[in-house]
Amino acid sequence: MAQTWPPSRVFYCLKFTVIASVVEQPPCSIQFEAHALRMFSIRLCLLFQSKEVQAMEAAGYDRLSNLASANGEVGTGGLANCIAVVGFDASNRMAIAHYNTINCMDTSSNPPRWNEASLTNFREWFKKQRQATKFMVGLGKGWMNPEGDMERLRFELIQLIIKVFGYEPTVAGYCITCRERTLTAHANDSVMPQGWGQMGLVIPYDQLKGR
């Protein structure tokens, strides 16, 4: 639910100010102050409405969120070997996707290699669904301190993300949110709305497999 600063406190303060100021004032002065008070109240309401905190648009597991406004927020959680991909349209509206990287990995090769075509197909699908023109990417918690061959895969994944999305990921966490073009990592999903895991459009991985 959107949260706004309670304007009632402002009006109470203004009422007290008016009462104190109109004592022993001529009628014309009272009318002028009342008009000024109304104009100030309108401007104050517009100010706080413009700063209203909007509800988060969330992406569940293997899903793409709805669009949030430019001053809104998007987020996803449960990120292990997955990545969070945020796309922006021409109006700076944004959407976030929870993408499981196993779907762009060629596990039949030895050692396993990344499949650039699969991730590129996902990018194009994202662009089509949300008219995205620019991207930001955050890594899941599983990529924070990998060991053994996973360290190689992490390095190669980052290079692939740079190539496909034109963005170098520097944020990693179990949960990632985005507001005002800033990615933030969280240790858990407590910041996510209730039922977030089933929110958003399911990513059609089978249709996006690279050849």
Protein backbone atom coordinates (compact mmCIF):
# COMPACT_ATOMS: atom_id res chain seq x y z
CA MET A 1 0.00 0.00 0.00
CA ALA A 2 1.25 3.47 -0.83
CA GLN A 3 2.34 5.51 2.15
CA THR A 4 2.01 9.25 2.30
CA TRP A 5 3.04 11.81 4.88
CA PRO A 6 -0.12 12.56 6.91
CA PRO A 7 -1.27 16.03 5.74
CA SER A 8 -3.74 16.32 8.65
CA ARG A 9 -0.92 17.40 10.95
CA VAL A 10 -0.09 20.23 8.61
CA PHE A 11 -3.67 21.45 8.54
CA TYR A 12 -3.91 21.33 12.33
CA CYS A 13 -0.81 23.49 12.59
CA LEU A 14 -2.15 25.86 9.97
CA LYS A 15 -5.46 26.17 11.77
CA PHE A 16 -3.71 27.15 14.98
CA THR A 17 -1.67 29.70 13.06
CA VAL A 18 -4.76 31.24 11.53
CA ILE A 19 -6.57 31.46 14.89
CA ALA A 20 -3.62 33.24 16.44
CA SER A 21 -3.17 35.61 13.53
CA VAL A 22 -6.77 36.71 12.99
CA VAL A 23 -7.30 37.92 16.56
CA GLU A 24 -7.96 41.66 16.48
CA GLN A 25 -7.32 41.84 12.71
CA PRO A 26 -9.55 43.84 10.31
CA PRO A 27 -11.92 41.83 8.05
CA CYS A 28 -9.93 42.55 4.90
CA SER A 29 -6.78 41.21 6.55
CA ILE A 30 -8.60 38.05 7.67
CA GLN A 31 -9.89 37.42 4.11
CA PHE A 32 -6.42 37.91 2.66
CA GLU A 33 -4.85 35.50 5.14
CA ALA A 34 -7.59 32.91 4.53
CA HIS A 35 -6.96 33.08 0.76
CA ALA A 36 -3.22 32.77 1.28
CA LEU A 37 -3.80 29.81 3.58
CA ARG A 38 -5.91 28.01 0.96
CA MET A 39 -3.24 28.53 -1.73
CA PHE A 40 -0.52 27.32 0.63
CA SER A 41 -2.55 24.25 1.55
CA ILE A 42 -3.04 23.37 -2.13
CA ARG A 43 0.66 23.71 -2.87
CA LEU A 44 1.50 21.62 0.19
CA CYS A 45 -0.86 18.82 -0.85
CA LEU A 46 0.61 18.75 -4.36
CA LEU A 47 4.12 18.60 -2.91
CA PHE A 48 3.40 15.55 -0.76
CA GLN A 49 1.40 13.84 -3.50
CA SER A 50 4.41 14.15 -5.82
CA LYS A 51 6.58 12.46 -3.15
CA GLU A 52 4.14 9.62 -2.56
CA VAL A 53 5.79 6.22 -2.14
CA GLN A 54 4.29 3.79 -4.63
CA ALA A 55 3.74 0.08 -4.18
CA MET A 56 6.50 -2.17 -5.52
CA GLU A 57 6.07 -4.04 -8.79
CA ALA A 58 7.52 -7.48 -8.07
CA ALA A 59 8.74 -10.39 -10.17
CA GLY A 60 8.20 -13.88 -8.80
CA TYR A 61 10.40 -16.87 -9.54
CA ASP A 62 11.14 -17.10 -13.30
CA ARG A 63 8.85 -14.14 -13.98
CA LEU A 64 8.83 -10.61 -15.40
CA SER A 65 7.13 -7.86 -13.39
CA ASN A 66 4.66 -5.26 -14.57
CA LEU A 67 5.96 -1.79 -15.36
CA ALA A 68 6.54 0.65 -12.51
CA SER A 69 6.66 4.42 -12.97
CA ALA A 70 9.98 6.25 -13.15
CA ASN A 71 9.72 7.17 -9.45
CA GLY A 72 8.40 3.75 -8.42
CA GLU A 73 10.17 0.58 -7.31
CA VAL A 74 10.66 -2.96 -8.62
CA GLY A 75 12.12 -6.00 -6.91
CA THR A 76 12.59 -9.74 -6.83
CA GLY A 77 13.91 -12.25 -4.29
CA GLY A 78 15.05 -15.83 -3.88
CA LEU A 79 18.12 -15.20 -6.03
CA ALA A 80 20.71 -17.97 -5.84
CA ASN A 81 22.31 -18.75 -9.22
CA CYS A 82 19.73 -16.45 -10.80
CA ILE A 83 20.10 -12.83 -11.92
CA ALA A 84 17.80 -9.83 -11.56
CA VAL A 85 17.40 -7.93 -14.84
CA VAL A 86 15.86 -4.44 -14.77
CA GLY A 87 14.74 -2.89 -18.05
CA PHE A 88 13.79 0.75 -18.69
CA ASP A 89 11.60 2.08 -21.48
CA ALA A 90 11.91 5.48 -23.18
CA SER A 91 9.90 7.12 -20.38
CA ASN A 92 12.13 5.55 -17.68
CA ARG A 93 9.36 3.23 -16.54
CA MET A 94 10.91 -0.02 -15.38
CA ALA A 95 10.28 -3.72 -14.97
CA ILE A 96 12.35 -6.46 -13.31
CA ALA A 97 12.84 -10.10 -14.22
CA HIS A 98 13.96 -13.08 -12.13
CA TYR A 99 16.05 -15.04 -14.65
CA ASN A 100 17.47 -18.47 -13.83
CA THR A 101 20.90 -18.70 -15.46
CA ILE A 102 20.66 -22.47 -15.87
CA ASN A 103 18.53 -21.61 -18.90
CA CYS A 104 21.45 -19.98 -20.70
CA MET A 105 24.02 -22.63 -19.79
CA ASP A 106 25.14 -25.44 -22.04
CA THR A 107 25.46 -28.27 -19.53
CA SER A 108 26.18 -30.83 -22.24
CA SER A 109 29.65 -29.39 -22.81
CA ASN A 110 32.58 -30.24 -20.59
CA PRO A 111 33.25 -27.96 -18.86
CA PRO A 112 29.83 -26.21 -18.97
CA ARG A 113 29.67 -23.03 -21.06
CA TRP A 114 27.27 -20.13 -21.32
CA ASN A 115 24.90 -19.94 -24.26
CA GLU A 116 24.90 -16.37 -25.54
CA ALA A 117 21.97 -16.98 -27.89
CA SER A 118 19.65 -18.01 -25.05
CA LEU A 119 20.38 -14.89 -23.00
CA THR A 120 20.08 -12.71 -26.10
CA ASN A 121 16.69 -14.26 -26.90
CA PHE A 122 15.58 -13.47 -23.36
CA ARG A 123 16.71 -9.85 -23.75
CA GLU A 124 14.72 -9.50 -26.96
CA TRP A 125 11.64 -11.05 -25.32
CA PHE A 126 11.98 -8.60 -22.40
CA LYS A 127 12.28 -5.69 -24.85
CA LYS A 128 9.15 -6.80 -26.67
CA GLN A 129 7.08 -7.29 -23.51
CA ARG A 130 8.04 -4.02 -21.78
CA GLN A 131 9.50 -1.88 -24.60
CA ALA A 132 12.80 -1.81 -22.71
CA THR A 133 15.70 0.10 -24.27
CA LYS A 134 18.28 0.01 -21.45
CA PHE A 135 19.14 -2.54 -18.77
CA MET A 136 20.72 -3.00 -15.36
CA VAL A 137 21.61 -6.40 -13.87
CA GLY A 138 22.22 -7.71 -10.36
CA LEU A 139 23.67 -11.12 -9.49
CA GLY A 140 22.11 -13.67 -7.17
CA LYS A 141 23.65 -14.60 -3.83
CA GLY A 142 25.16 -17.76 -5.26
CA TRP A 143 27.55 -15.69 -7.40
CA MET A 144 28.97 -13.64 -4.51
CA ASN A 145 31.82 -15.92 -3.39
CA PRO A 146 31.97 -18.91 -5.75
CA GLU A 147 34.63 -21.58 -5.51
CA GLY A 148 36.23 -23.97 -7.95
CA ASP A 149 34.76 -23.98 -11.47
CA MET A 150 31.95 -21.69 -10.32
CA GLU A 151 34.52 -18.88 -10.09
CA ARG A 152 35.28 -19.32 -13.79
CA LEU A 153 31.59 -19.42 -14.61
CA ARG A 154 31.02 -16.23 -12.62
CA PHE A 155 33.71 -14.38 -14.54
CA GLU A 156 32.37 -15.60 -17.88
CA LEU A 157 28.77 -14.78 -16.85
CA ILE A 158 29.71 -11.19 -16.06
CA GLN A 159 31.41 -10.87 -19.44
CA LEU A 160 28.30 -12.30 -21.12
CA ILE A 161 26.01 -9.88 -19.27
CA ILE A 162 28.18 -6.94 -20.36
CA LYS A 163 27.97 -8.13 -23.97
CA VAL A 164 24.22 -8.84 -24.01
CA PHE A 165 22.87 -6.07 -21.77
CA GLY A 166 25.61 -3.43 -22.02
CA TYR A 167 25.90 -3.31 -18.24
CA GLU A 168 28.49 -4.63 -15.78
CA PRO A 169 26.85 -6.04 -12.63
CA THR A 170 28.36 -4.86 -9.35
CA VAL A 171 25.50 -5.71 -6.95
CA ALA A 172 24.74 -9.21 -5.67
CA GLY A 173 22.29 -10.51 -3.09
CA TYR A 174 19.41 -12.81 -2.20
CA CYS A 175 16.92 -10.04 -2.96
CA ILE A 176 17.43 -7.07 -5.31
CA THR A 177 15.31 -3.96 -5.65
CA CYS A 178 15.61 -0.95 -7.93
CA ARG A 179 14.52 2.65 -7.33
CA GLU A 180 15.64 5.75 -9.22
CA ARG A 181 18.07 3.67 -11.31
CA THR A 182 19.84 2.36 -8.21
CA LEU A 183 20.10 -1.37 -7.52
CA THR A 184 20.05 -2.40 -3.85
CA ALA A 185 20.86 -5.87 -2.49
CA HIS A 186 19.05 -7.29 0.55
CA ALA A 187 19.94 -10.30 2.70
CA ASN A 188 16.34 -11.56 2.73
CA ASP A 189 12.98 -10.89 1.08
CA SER A 190 11.42 -8.95 3.97
CA VAL A 191 11.17 -5.86 1.73
CA MET A 192 9.04 -7.74 -0.81
CA PRO A 193 5.23 -7.51 -0.91
CA GLN A 194 3.13 -10.43 0.29
CA GLY A 195 2.70 -13.09 -2.39
CA TRP A 196 5.49 -11.71 -4.56
CA GLY A 197 6.68 -15.19 -5.59
CA GLN A 198 3.72 -15.61 -7.95
CA MET A 199 3.65 -12.08 -9.34
CA GLY A 200 4.44 -11.23 -12.94
CA LEU A 201 4.53 -12.84 -16.36
CA VAL A 202 6.11 -16.30 -16.62
CA ILE A 203 9.30 -16.36 -18.70
CA PRO A 204 8.89 -18.90 -21.58
CA TYR A 205 12.33 -20.46 -21.25
CA ASP A 206 11.63 -23.29 -23.72
CA GLN A 207 10.81 -20.77 -26.45
CA LEU A 208 13.95 -18.77 -25.76
CA LYS A 209 16.50 -21.59 -26.01
CA GLY A 210 19.46 -20.69 -28.21
CA ARG A 211 20.57 -23.05 -30.91
